[in-house]
């Protein structure tokens, strides 16, 4: 893999960038103190802004590692971070990264997770050169699985009590997307666009 680190990326509605310590207040307001957002995550919600400040500081200090990937999901309209998308595991032997994402509850159901995930997928397959991107979700949180499916991830099976969140030990649905499937879908999309353009 040709690691790039956490570089800034952009979509129609979002900026994906590094966190700074100045993001602490917005992180706390928009999702780290949100118990519903953390309900299905391994990370519990924060009880104080000081807890978020320590968390943010750890992230910022890790950017010196060239294979550390942790983006703030920033809405262009309000110029605020409303969530995060990051890599929690890597395996160089099989060229794999494991992705995780979280948004504050107010920002659910607006397509932001799918939009951010689509750009991160492009980045890892086209720029970093990974072969496999995988993710997991709690079956009680189907929205996360739906976001991955919209981005082309395939369901690979259920890991019984394969994770832990605020409920304790929980089952995990395993999803993954391979580079060959990503590039095939991209070629097919280009062919369709050319066909529609000619038929007009």
N, C-alpha and C. Protein backbone atom coordinates (compact mmCIF):
# COMPACT_ATOMS: atom_id res chain seq x y z
N UNK A 1 0.85 -1.20 0.00
CA UNK A 1 0.00 0.00 0.00
C UNK A 1 0.89 1.25 0.00
N UNK A 2 0.44 2.24 -0.72
CA UNK A 2 1.18 3.49 -0.84
C UNK A 2 0.53 4.53 0.08
N UNK A 3 0.93 4.53 1.33
CA UNK A 3 0.25 5.33 2.34
C UNK A 3 0.41 6.83 2.07
N UNK A 4 -0.70 7.55 2.25
CA UNK A 4 -0.74 8.99 2.03
C UNK A 4 -0.98 9.77 3.31
N UNK A 5 -1.47 9.08 4.35
CA UNK A 5 -1.86 9.77 5.56
C UNK A 5 -3.20 10.48 5.39
N UNK A 6 -3.62 11.20 6.40
CA UNK A 6 -4.94 11.85 6.39
C UNK A 6 -4.84 13.17 5.62
N UNK A 7 -5.05 13.10 4.32
CA UNK A 7 -5.04 14.30 3.49
C UNK A 7 -6.46 14.81 3.32
N UNK A 8 -6.60 16.08 3.00
CA UNK A 8 -7.92 16.68 2.83
C UNK A 8 -8.58 16.18 1.55
N UNK A 9 -9.87 15.87 1.65
CA UNK A 9 -10.67 15.40 0.53
C UNK A 9 -11.95 16.21 0.50
N UNK A 10 -12.61 16.21 -0.66
CA UNK A 10 -13.81 17.04 -0.80
C UNK A 10 -14.88 16.33 -1.61
N UNK A 11 -16.13 16.51 -1.23
CA UNK A 11 -17.28 16.01 -1.98
C UNK A 11 -18.20 17.20 -2.23
N UNK A 12 -19.36 16.94 -2.77
CA UNK A 12 -20.29 18.02 -3.09
C UNK A 12 -20.68 18.83 -1.86
N UNK A 13 -20.93 18.13 -0.74
CA UNK A 13 -21.41 18.83 0.46
C UNK A 13 -20.44 18.82 1.62
N UNK A 14 -19.35 18.07 1.49
CA UNK A 14 -18.48 17.81 2.63
C UNK A 14 -17.02 18.15 2.37
N UNK A 15 -16.34 18.52 3.43
CA UNK A 15 -14.87 18.54 3.47
C UNK A 15 -14.46 17.46 4.46
N UNK A 16 -13.55 16.60 4.05
CA UNK A 16 -12.97 15.59 4.94
C UNK A 16 -11.54 16.04 5.20
N UNK A 17 -11.25 16.35 6.44
CA UNK A 17 -9.95 16.92 6.78
C UNK A 17 -9.47 16.42 8.13
N UNK A 18 -8.24 16.81 8.45
CA UNK A 18 -7.70 16.48 9.78
C UNK A 18 -8.42 17.28 10.86
N UNK A 19 -8.52 16.67 12.02
CA UNK A 19 -9.00 17.40 13.18
C UNK A 19 -7.91 18.34 13.69
N UNK A 20 -8.34 19.41 14.33
CA UNK A 20 -7.43 20.27 15.08
C UNK A 20 -8.00 20.39 16.49
N UNK A 21 -7.17 20.83 17.40
CA UNK A 21 -7.63 20.95 18.79
C UNK A 21 -8.76 21.98 18.89
N UNK A 22 -8.85 22.88 17.92
CA UNK A 22 -9.92 23.88 17.91
C UNK A 22 -11.29 23.28 17.60
N UNK A 23 -11.31 22.02 17.16
CA UNK A 23 -12.58 21.35 16.87
C UNK A 23 -13.26 20.80 18.11
N UNK A 24 -12.61 20.86 19.24
CA UNK A 24 -13.11 20.18 20.45
C UNK A 24 -14.55 20.54 20.78
N UNK A 25 -14.86 21.83 20.81
CA UNK A 25 -16.20 22.26 21.21
C UNK A 25 -17.27 21.73 20.25
N UNK A 26 -16.99 21.79 18.94
CA UNK A 26 -17.95 21.30 17.95
C UNK A 26 -18.10 19.78 18.01
N UNK A 27 -17.01 19.08 18.28
CA UNK A 27 -17.08 17.63 18.44
C UNK A 27 -18.02 17.28 19.59
N UNK A 28 -17.84 17.98 20.71
CA UNK A 28 -18.65 17.70 21.89
C UNK A 28 -20.12 18.04 21.63
N UNK A 29 -20.36 19.15 20.97
CA UNK A 29 -21.74 19.58 20.69
C UNK A 29 -22.42 18.65 19.70
N UNK A 30 -21.69 18.23 18.67
CA UNK A 30 -22.34 17.55 17.54
C UNK A 30 -22.38 16.03 17.65
N UNK A 31 -21.42 15.40 18.37
CA UNK A 31 -21.55 13.94 18.46
C UNK A 31 -20.86 13.26 19.64
N UNK A 32 -19.76 13.74 20.17
CA UNK A 32 -19.08 12.93 21.20
C UNK A 32 -19.89 12.84 22.50
N UNK A 33 -20.77 13.83 22.74
CA UNK A 33 -21.63 13.77 23.94
C UNK A 33 -23.00 13.17 23.63
N UNK A 34 -23.20 12.71 22.41
CA UNK A 34 -24.49 12.19 21.95
C UNK A 34 -24.60 10.70 22.29
N UNK A 35 -25.37 10.39 23.31
CA UNK A 35 -25.50 9.00 23.76
C UNK A 35 -26.11 8.11 22.68
N UNK A 36 -27.03 8.64 21.89
CA UNK A 36 -27.63 7.84 20.82
C UNK A 36 -26.63 7.53 19.72
N UNK A 37 -25.77 8.49 19.40
CA UNK A 37 -24.75 8.27 18.38
C UNK A 37 -23.76 7.20 18.82
N UNK A 38 -23.48 7.15 20.13
CA UNK A 38 -22.49 6.20 20.65
C UNK A 38 -23.09 4.86 21.03
N UNK A 39 -24.40 4.74 20.92
CA UNK A 39 -25.09 3.55 21.42
C UNK A 39 -24.57 2.26 20.81
N UNK A 40 -24.26 2.30 19.51
CA UNK A 40 -23.82 1.09 18.82
C UNK A 40 -22.31 1.08 18.56
N UNK A 41 -21.60 2.03 19.15
CA UNK A 41 -20.15 2.13 18.93
C UNK A 41 -19.37 1.58 20.10
N UNK A 42 -18.11 1.27 19.85
CA UNK A 42 -17.25 0.78 20.93
C UNK A 42 -16.88 1.90 21.87
N UNK A 43 -16.90 3.12 21.38
CA UNK A 43 -16.54 4.29 22.18
C UNK A 43 -17.78 4.87 22.84
N UNK A 44 -17.77 4.99 24.17
CA UNK A 44 -18.91 5.55 24.89
C UNK A 44 -18.98 7.06 24.67
N UNK A 45 -20.17 7.63 24.88
CA UNK A 45 -20.30 9.09 24.77
C UNK A 45 -19.52 9.76 25.90
N UNK A 46 -19.12 11.00 25.66
CA UNK A 46 -18.30 11.74 26.62
C UNK A 46 -19.18 12.51 27.60
N UNK A 47 -18.75 12.55 28.83
CA UNK A 47 -19.50 13.24 29.87
C UNK A 47 -19.07 14.69 30.07
N UNK A 48 -17.92 15.06 29.51
CA UNK A 48 -17.42 16.43 29.67
C UNK A 48 -16.62 16.83 28.45
N UNK A 49 -16.51 18.12 28.23
CA UNK A 49 -15.73 18.61 27.11
C UNK A 49 -14.24 18.32 27.30
N UNK A 50 -13.81 18.19 28.54
CA UNK A 50 -12.42 17.85 28.81
C UNK A 50 -12.09 16.45 28.29
N UNK A 51 -13.05 15.55 28.39
CA UNK A 51 -12.86 14.20 27.85
C UNK A 51 -12.69 14.26 26.33
N UNK A 52 -13.50 15.08 25.69
CA UNK A 52 -13.38 15.24 24.24
C UNK A 52 -12.07 15.91 23.87
N UNK A 53 -11.61 16.85 24.67
CA UNK A 53 -10.34 17.52 24.40
C UNK A 53 -9.18 16.53 24.42
N UNK A 54 -9.17 15.62 25.39
CA UNK A 54 -8.13 14.59 25.45
C UNK A 54 -8.21 13.66 24.24
N UNK A 55 -9.42 13.30 23.88
CA UNK A 55 -9.65 12.44 22.71
C UNK A 55 -9.15 13.12 21.44
N UNK A 56 -9.51 14.38 21.27
CA UNK A 56 -9.08 15.14 20.09
C UNK A 56 -7.56 15.28 20.06
N UNK A 57 -6.97 15.54 21.20
CA UNK A 57 -5.52 15.70 21.28
C UNK A 57 -4.80 14.41 20.86
N UNK A 58 -5.33 13.26 21.27
CA UNK A 58 -4.74 11.98 20.87
C UNK A 58 -4.79 11.81 19.35
N UNK A 59 -5.92 12.21 18.76
CA UNK A 59 -6.05 12.12 17.30
C UNK A 59 -5.03 13.01 16.62
N UNK A 60 -4.97 14.27 17.04
CA UNK A 60 -4.06 15.24 16.43
C UNK A 60 -2.61 14.78 16.52
N UNK A 61 -2.23 14.24 17.67
CA UNK A 61 -0.85 13.78 17.85
C UNK A 61 -0.51 12.57 17.00
N UNK A 62 -1.52 11.84 16.56
CA UNK A 62 -1.29 10.63 15.75
C UNK A 62 -1.09 10.93 14.27
N UNK A 63 -1.37 12.16 13.85
CA UNK A 63 -1.22 12.49 12.43
C UNK A 63 0.24 12.44 11.96
N UNK A 64 1.17 12.40 12.88
CA UNK A 64 2.58 12.29 12.49
C UNK A 64 2.88 10.91 11.88
N UNK A 65 2.00 9.94 12.12
CA UNK A 65 2.16 8.61 11.52
C UNK A 65 1.59 8.62 10.10
N UNK A 66 2.40 8.22 9.14
CA UNK A 66 1.99 8.28 7.74
C UNK A 66 0.89 7.33 7.36
N UNK A 67 0.61 6.34 8.21
CA UNK A 67 -0.47 5.39 7.90
C UNK A 67 -1.64 5.55 8.88
N UNK A 68 -1.79 6.75 9.43
CA UNK A 68 -2.90 7.05 10.33
C UNK A 68 -3.97 7.79 9.52
N UNK A 69 -5.20 7.28 9.58
CA UNK A 69 -6.28 7.85 8.79
C UNK A 69 -7.47 8.16 9.69
N UNK A 70 -7.74 9.45 9.89
CA UNK A 70 -8.82 9.85 10.79
C UNK A 70 -9.31 11.23 10.36
N UNK A 71 -10.48 11.25 9.70
CA UNK A 71 -11.00 12.48 9.13
C UNK A 71 -12.16 13.05 9.94
N UNK A 72 -12.21 14.37 10.02
CA UNK A 72 -13.40 15.09 10.45
C UNK A 72 -14.34 15.20 9.25
N UNK A 73 -15.61 14.92 9.45
CA UNK A 73 -16.63 15.12 8.42
C UNK A 73 -17.22 16.51 8.63
N UNK A 74 -16.86 17.43 7.76
CA UNK A 74 -17.24 18.84 7.92
C UNK A 74 -18.29 19.21 6.87
N UNK A 75 -19.42 19.76 7.32
CA UNK A 75 -20.44 20.23 6.39
C UNK A 75 -20.02 21.59 5.85
N UNK A 76 -20.00 21.73 4.53
CA UNK A 76 -19.62 23.00 3.92
C UNK A 76 -20.59 24.12 4.32
N UNK A 77 -21.88 23.79 4.43
CA UNK A 77 -22.89 24.82 4.69
C UNK A 77 -22.69 25.53 6.02
N UNK A 78 -22.22 24.79 7.02
CA UNK A 78 -22.07 25.38 8.36
C UNK A 78 -20.63 25.43 8.83
N UNK A 79 -19.72 24.83 8.06
CA UNK A 79 -18.30 24.79 8.38
C UNK A 79 -18.05 24.24 9.79
N UNK A 80 -18.74 23.13 10.10
CA UNK A 80 -18.56 22.48 11.40
C UNK A 80 -18.34 20.99 11.18
N UNK A 81 -17.46 20.36 11.99
CA UNK A 81 -17.38 18.90 11.97
C UNK A 81 -18.60 18.31 12.64
N UNK A 82 -19.23 17.34 11.96
CA UNK A 82 -20.46 16.74 12.50
C UNK A 82 -20.29 15.24 12.73
N UNK A 83 -19.07 14.74 12.52
CA UNK A 83 -18.79 13.34 12.73
C UNK A 83 -17.38 13.01 12.32
N UNK A 84 -17.09 11.73 12.30
CA UNK A 84 -15.74 11.29 11.92
C UNK A 84 -15.84 10.04 11.07
N UNK A 85 -14.79 9.81 10.25
CA UNK A 85 -14.65 8.58 9.49
C UNK A 85 -13.18 8.22 9.54
N UNK A 86 -12.89 6.97 9.91
CA UNK A 86 -11.50 6.62 10.20
C UNK A 86 -11.23 5.14 9.97
N UNK A 87 -9.97 4.81 9.97
CA UNK A 87 -9.52 3.43 9.85
C UNK A 87 -9.14 2.92 11.22
N UNK A 88 -9.71 1.80 11.61
CA UNK A 88 -9.43 1.24 12.94
C UNK A 88 -8.43 0.10 12.90
N UNK A 89 -8.32 -0.57 11.74
CA UNK A 89 -7.37 -1.68 11.61
C UNK A 89 -6.78 -1.67 10.20
N UNK A 90 -5.56 -2.20 10.09
CA UNK A 90 -4.92 -2.36 8.79
C UNK A 90 -4.20 -3.70 8.76
N UNK A 91 -4.10 -4.28 7.57
CA UNK A 91 -3.36 -5.53 7.40
C UNK A 91 -2.60 -5.42 6.09
N UNK A 92 -1.31 -5.14 6.18
CA UNK A 92 -0.49 -4.95 4.99
C UNK A 92 -0.40 -6.23 4.17
N UNK A 93 -0.42 -7.38 4.82
CA UNK A 93 -0.24 -8.65 4.11
C UNK A 93 -1.34 -8.89 3.08
N UNK A 94 -2.56 -8.47 3.41
CA UNK A 94 -3.67 -8.64 2.47
C UNK A 94 -4.17 -7.30 1.93
N UNK A 95 -3.42 -6.24 2.21
CA UNK A 95 -3.73 -4.89 1.71
C UNK A 95 -5.16 -4.50 2.07
N UNK A 96 -5.46 -4.60 3.36
CA UNK A 96 -6.80 -4.36 3.87
C UNK A 96 -6.82 -3.21 4.87
N UNK A 97 -7.90 -2.42 4.82
CA UNK A 97 -8.18 -1.44 5.87
C UNK A 97 -9.60 -1.66 6.36
N UNK A 98 -9.81 -1.42 7.64
CA UNK A 98 -11.13 -1.58 8.27
C UNK A 98 -11.64 -0.19 8.63
N UNK A 99 -12.82 0.13 8.14
CA UNK A 99 -13.33 1.49 8.24
C UNK A 99 -14.42 1.61 9.31
N UNK A 100 -14.50 2.80 9.92
CA UNK A 100 -15.52 3.08 10.92
C UNK A 100 -15.99 4.53 10.72
N UNK A 101 -17.25 4.80 11.01
CA UNK A 101 -17.74 6.17 10.86
C UNK A 101 -18.84 6.43 11.88
N UNK A 102 -18.99 7.71 12.24
CA UNK A 102 -20.01 8.11 13.21
C UNK A 102 -20.44 9.54 12.92
N UNK A 103 -21.73 9.78 12.99
CA UNK A 103 -22.31 11.11 12.87
C UNK A 103 -23.20 11.39 14.07
N UNK A 104 -23.31 12.66 14.43
CA UNK A 104 -24.25 13.05 15.46
C UNK A 104 -25.67 12.76 15.01
N UNK A 105 -26.56 12.46 15.94
CA UNK A 105 -27.92 12.03 15.61
C UNK A 105 -28.67 13.04 14.74
N UNK A 106 -28.43 14.32 14.94
CA UNK A 106 -29.13 15.35 14.18
C UNK A 106 -28.83 15.25 12.68
N UNK A 107 -27.71 14.62 12.34
CA UNK A 107 -27.26 14.56 10.96
C UNK A 107 -27.50 13.20 10.31
N UNK A 108 -28.25 12.34 10.98
CA UNK A 108 -28.60 11.05 10.40
C UNK A 108 -29.65 11.22 9.30
N UNK A 109 -29.66 10.26 8.38
CA UNK A 109 -30.70 10.20 7.38
C UNK A 109 -30.60 11.24 6.28
N UNK A 110 -29.47 11.91 6.17
CA UNK A 110 -29.29 12.95 5.15
C UNK A 110 -28.28 12.57 4.07
N UNK A 111 -27.78 11.33 4.14
CA UNK A 111 -26.84 10.85 3.14
C UNK A 111 -25.41 11.25 3.35
N UNK A 112 -25.10 11.87 4.48
CA UNK A 112 -23.73 12.33 4.70
C UNK A 112 -22.75 11.16 4.88
N UNK A 113 -23.18 10.13 5.58
CA UNK A 113 -22.28 8.97 5.78
C UNK A 113 -21.95 8.31 4.45
N UNK A 114 -22.96 8.13 3.61
CA UNK A 114 -22.75 7.51 2.30
C UNK A 114 -21.83 8.38 1.44
N UNK A 115 -22.03 9.68 1.49
CA UNK A 115 -21.21 10.61 0.70
C UNK A 115 -19.75 10.59 1.15
N UNK A 116 -19.54 10.60 2.46
CA UNK A 116 -18.17 10.54 2.98
C UNK A 116 -17.52 9.21 2.66
N UNK A 117 -18.28 8.14 2.86
CA UNK A 117 -17.74 6.79 2.63
C UNK A 117 -17.37 6.60 1.16
N UNK A 118 -18.18 7.12 0.24
CA UNK A 118 -17.89 6.99 -1.18
C UNK A 118 -16.54 7.61 -1.54
N UNK A 119 -16.26 8.78 -0.98
CA UNK A 119 -14.98 9.43 -1.28
C UNK A 119 -13.81 8.72 -0.61
N UNK A 120 -13.99 8.20 0.60
CA UNK A 120 -12.93 7.47 1.28
C UNK A 120 -12.61 6.18 0.53
N UNK A 121 -13.63 5.51 0.01
CA UNK A 121 -13.43 4.31 -0.80
C UNK A 121 -12.58 4.65 -2.02
N UNK A 122 -12.95 5.72 -2.73
CA UNK A 122 -12.17 6.13 -3.90
C UNK A 122 -10.71 6.38 -3.53
N UNK A 123 -10.49 7.09 -2.45
CA UNK A 123 -9.15 7.43 -1.99
C UNK A 123 -8.32 6.17 -1.72
N UNK A 124 -8.89 5.23 -1.00
CA UNK A 124 -8.11 4.05 -0.63
C UNK A 124 -7.83 3.13 -1.82
N UNK A 125 -8.79 2.97 -2.71
CA UNK A 125 -8.56 2.11 -3.87
C UNK A 125 -7.68 2.78 -4.93
N UNK A 126 -7.93 4.05 -5.21
CA UNK A 126 -7.23 4.71 -6.30
C UNK A 126 -5.92 5.36 -5.90
N UNK A 127 -5.82 5.87 -4.67
CA UNK A 127 -4.62 6.59 -4.26
C UNK A 127 -3.68 5.77 -3.37
N UNK A 128 -4.26 5.03 -2.43
CA UNK A 128 -3.44 4.24 -1.51
C UNK A 128 -3.15 2.85 -2.08
N UNK A 129 -4.07 2.32 -2.88
CA UNK A 129 -3.85 1.01 -3.50
C UNK A 129 -4.19 -0.17 -2.62
N UNK A 130 -5.22 -0.03 -1.79
CA UNK A 130 -5.64 -1.18 -0.98
C UNK A 130 -6.40 -2.17 -1.87
N UNK A 131 -6.51 -3.40 -1.40
CA UNK A 131 -7.25 -4.42 -2.13
C UNK A 131 -8.61 -4.71 -1.50
N UNK A 132 -8.74 -4.43 -0.21
CA UNK A 132 -9.98 -4.77 0.51
C UNK A 132 -10.28 -3.70 1.55
N UNK A 133 -11.52 -3.24 1.54
CA UNK A 133 -12.01 -2.35 2.59
C UNK A 133 -13.14 -3.08 3.29
N UNK A 134 -13.06 -3.17 4.60
CA UNK A 134 -14.11 -3.87 5.32
C UNK A 134 -14.68 -3.00 6.43
N UNK A 135 -15.87 -3.38 6.87
CA UNK A 135 -16.53 -2.68 7.96
C UNK A 135 -17.51 -3.61 8.65
N UNK A 136 -17.92 -3.25 9.85
CA UNK A 136 -18.86 -4.04 10.62
C UNK A 136 -19.92 -3.15 11.23
N UNK A 137 -21.06 -3.73 11.51
CA UNK A 137 -22.06 -2.99 12.25
C UNK A 137 -22.91 -3.93 13.10
N UNK A 138 -23.48 -3.36 14.13
CA UNK A 138 -24.41 -4.07 14.99
C UNK A 138 -25.71 -4.26 14.22
N UNK A 139 -26.27 -5.48 14.16
CA UNK A 139 -27.53 -5.69 13.45
C UNK A 139 -28.67 -4.80 13.95
N UNK A 140 -28.57 -4.31 15.19
CA UNK A 140 -29.60 -3.41 15.71
C UNK A 140 -29.47 -1.99 15.15
N UNK A 141 -28.40 -1.76 14.37
CA UNK A 141 -28.17 -0.46 13.76
C UNK A 141 -28.11 -0.63 12.24
N UNK A 142 -29.23 -0.96 11.58
CA UNK A 142 -29.21 -1.29 10.16
C UNK A 142 -28.80 -0.14 9.25
N UNK A 143 -28.94 1.10 9.70
CA UNK A 143 -28.60 2.25 8.85
C UNK A 143 -27.13 2.22 8.45
N UNK A 144 -26.27 1.78 9.36
CA UNK A 144 -24.85 1.70 9.05
C UNK A 144 -24.59 0.67 7.95
N UNK A 145 -25.25 -0.47 8.05
CA UNK A 145 -25.11 -1.50 7.02
C UNK A 145 -25.64 -1.03 5.68
N UNK A 146 -26.75 -0.28 5.70
CA UNK A 146 -27.34 0.23 4.46
C UNK A 146 -26.39 1.21 3.77
N UNK A 147 -25.70 2.04 4.56
CA UNK A 147 -24.73 2.98 3.98
C UNK A 147 -23.62 2.23 3.26
N UNK A 148 -23.13 1.16 3.88
CA UNK A 148 -22.08 0.37 3.23
C UNK A 148 -22.59 -0.32 1.97
N UNK A 149 -23.80 -0.85 2.03
CA UNK A 149 -24.37 -1.51 0.86
C UNK A 149 -24.56 -0.53 -0.30
N UNK A 150 -24.98 0.69 -0.01
CA UNK A 150 -25.14 1.70 -1.06
C UNK A 150 -23.81 1.99 -1.75
N UNK A 151 -22.72 1.81 -1.02
CA UNK A 151 -21.38 2.08 -1.57
C UNK A 151 -20.76 0.83 -2.20
N UNK A 152 -21.52 -0.25 -2.32
CA UNK A 152 -21.03 -1.43 -3.01
C UNK A 152 -20.49 -2.54 -2.13
N UNK A 153 -20.49 -2.34 -0.81
CA UNK A 153 -20.01 -3.39 0.09
C UNK A 153 -20.93 -4.60 0.01
N UNK A 154 -20.34 -5.78 0.12
CA UNK A 154 -21.11 -7.02 0.14
C UNK A 154 -21.15 -7.58 1.56
N UNK A 155 -22.31 -8.08 1.92
CA UNK A 155 -22.48 -8.72 3.23
C UNK A 155 -21.76 -10.07 3.22
N UNK A 156 -20.90 -10.31 4.20
CA UNK A 156 -20.11 -11.54 4.24
C UNK A 156 -20.52 -12.51 5.34
N UNK A 157 -21.34 -12.05 6.27
CA UNK A 157 -21.79 -12.97 7.30
C UNK A 157 -21.90 -12.32 8.67
N UNK A 158 -22.39 -13.12 9.61
CA UNK A 158 -22.60 -12.65 10.98
C UNK A 158 -21.52 -13.21 11.89
N UNK A 159 -20.86 -12.33 12.62
CA UNK A 159 -19.88 -12.73 13.62
C UNK A 159 -20.60 -12.73 14.97
N UNK A 160 -20.91 -13.90 15.47
CA UNK A 160 -21.67 -13.99 16.71
C UNK A 160 -20.85 -13.50 17.88
N UNK A 161 -21.40 -12.51 18.60
CA UNK A 161 -20.73 -11.86 19.73
C UNK A 161 -19.30 -11.47 19.34
N UNK A 162 -19.19 -10.89 18.14
CA UNK A 162 -17.87 -10.50 17.63
C UNK A 162 -17.46 -9.09 17.96
N UNK A 163 -18.31 -8.37 18.72
CA UNK A 163 -17.98 -7.00 19.07
C UNK A 163 -18.53 -6.63 20.44
N UNK A 164 -18.20 -5.42 20.86
CA UNK A 164 -18.67 -4.93 22.15
C UNK A 164 -19.04 -3.46 21.99
N UNK A 165 -20.20 -3.08 22.53
CA UNK A 165 -20.58 -1.67 22.57
C UNK A 165 -21.27 -1.40 23.90
N UNK A 166 -22.12 -0.37 23.93
CA UNK A 166 -22.75 -0.01 25.20
C UNK A 166 -23.67 -1.10 25.74
N UNK A 167 -24.07 -2.04 24.90
CA UNK A 167 -24.92 -3.16 25.34
C UNK A 167 -24.10 -4.33 25.89
N UNK A 168 -22.78 -4.29 25.71
CA UNK A 168 -21.92 -5.41 26.07
C UNK A 168 -21.50 -6.16 24.82
N UNK A 169 -21.39 -7.48 24.91
CA UNK A 169 -21.04 -8.29 23.75
C UNK A 169 -22.21 -8.35 22.78
N UNK A 170 -21.92 -8.09 21.50
CA UNK A 170 -22.98 -8.06 20.50
C UNK A 170 -22.53 -8.77 19.22
N UNK A 171 -23.51 -9.21 18.44
CA UNK A 171 -23.21 -9.76 17.13
C UNK A 171 -22.75 -8.64 16.19
N UNK A 172 -21.99 -9.01 15.17
CA UNK A 172 -21.53 -8.04 14.18
C UNK A 172 -21.81 -8.56 12.77
N UNK A 173 -22.34 -7.68 11.94
CA UNK A 173 -22.48 -7.99 10.52
C UNK A 173 -21.20 -7.55 9.81
N UNK A 174 -20.62 -8.46 9.05
CA UNK A 174 -19.36 -8.19 8.35
C UNK A 174 -19.64 -7.83 6.90
N UNK A 175 -19.08 -6.70 6.46
CA UNK A 175 -19.19 -6.24 5.07
C UNK A 175 -17.80 -5.99 4.51
N UNK A 176 -17.66 -6.11 3.19
CA UNK A 176 -16.38 -5.80 2.55
C UNK A 176 -16.58 -5.44 1.09
N UNK A 177 -15.64 -4.66 0.58
CA UNK A 177 -15.60 -4.28 -0.83
C UNK A 177 -14.19 -4.52 -1.34
N UNK A 178 -14.06 -5.20 -2.47
CA UNK A 178 -12.76 -5.50 -3.06
C UNK A 178 -12.46 -4.54 -4.20
N UNK A 179 -11.16 -4.32 -4.43
CA UNK A 179 -10.73 -3.40 -5.48
C UNK A 179 -11.26 -3.83 -6.84
N UNK A 180 -11.24 -5.12 -7.15
CA UNK A 180 -11.69 -5.57 -8.46
C UNK A 180 -13.15 -5.24 -8.70
N UNK A 181 -13.98 -5.34 -7.66
CA UNK A 181 -15.39 -5.03 -7.79
C UNK A 181 -15.62 -3.53 -7.93
N UNK A 182 -14.81 -2.75 -7.20
CA UNK A 182 -14.91 -1.29 -7.28
C UNK A 182 -14.58 -0.81 -8.70
N UNK A 183 -13.46 -1.28 -9.24
CA UNK A 183 -13.04 -0.81 -10.56
C UNK A 183 -13.95 -1.33 -11.68
N UNK A 184 -14.51 -2.55 -11.50
CA UNK A 184 -15.46 -3.06 -12.47
C UNK A 184 -16.72 -2.19 -12.50
N UNK A 185 -17.22 -1.84 -11.33
CA UNK A 185 -18.42 -1.00 -11.24
C UNK A 185 -18.15 0.38 -11.84
N UNK A 186 -16.95 0.89 -11.64
CA UNK A 186 -16.59 2.20 -12.19
C UNK A 186 -16.55 2.16 -13.71
N UNK A 187 -15.98 1.08 -14.28
CA UNK A 187 -15.94 0.95 -15.74
C UNK A 187 -17.34 0.81 -16.32
N UNK A 188 -18.20 0.05 -15.66
CA UNK A 188 -19.57 -0.13 -16.14
C UNK A 188 -20.34 1.20 -16.09
N UNK A 189 -20.10 1.98 -15.07
CA UNK A 189 -20.77 3.28 -14.95
C UNK A 189 -20.35 4.20 -16.09
N UNK A 190 -19.04 4.19 -16.42
CA UNK A 190 -18.55 5.03 -17.52
C UNK A 190 -19.17 4.61 -18.85
N UNK A 191 -19.28 3.28 -19.06
CA UNK A 191 -19.88 2.78 -20.29
C UNK A 191 -21.34 3.21 -20.40
N UNK A 192 -22.06 3.16 -19.27
CA UNK A 192 -23.46 3.56 -19.26
C UNK A 192 -23.60 5.03 -19.60
N UNK A 193 -22.73 5.85 -19.02
CA UNK A 193 -22.79 7.31 -19.27
C UNK A 193 -22.51 7.59 -20.75
N UNK A 194 -21.52 6.91 -21.32
CA UNK A 194 -21.21 7.11 -22.74
C UNK A 194 -22.38 6.67 -23.62
N UNK A 195 -23.00 5.55 -23.26
CA UNK A 195 -24.14 5.06 -24.02
C UNK A 195 -25.31 6.03 -24.00
N UNK A 196 -25.61 6.54 -22.80
CA UNK A 196 -26.71 7.48 -22.67
C UNK A 196 -26.42 8.77 -23.42
N UNK A 197 -25.14 9.17 -23.40
CA UNK A 197 -24.75 10.38 -24.12
C UNK A 197 -24.93 10.21 -25.62
N UNK A 198 -24.59 9.05 -26.15
CA UNK A 198 -24.72 8.79 -27.60
C UNK A 198 -26.18 8.65 -27.99
N UNK A 199 -27.00 8.04 -27.12
CA UNK A 199 -28.40 7.78 -27.48
C UNK A 199 -29.22 9.06 -27.46
N UNK A 200 -28.69 10.11 -26.81
CA UNK A 200 -29.44 11.36 -26.77
C UNK A 200 -29.38 12.08 -28.09
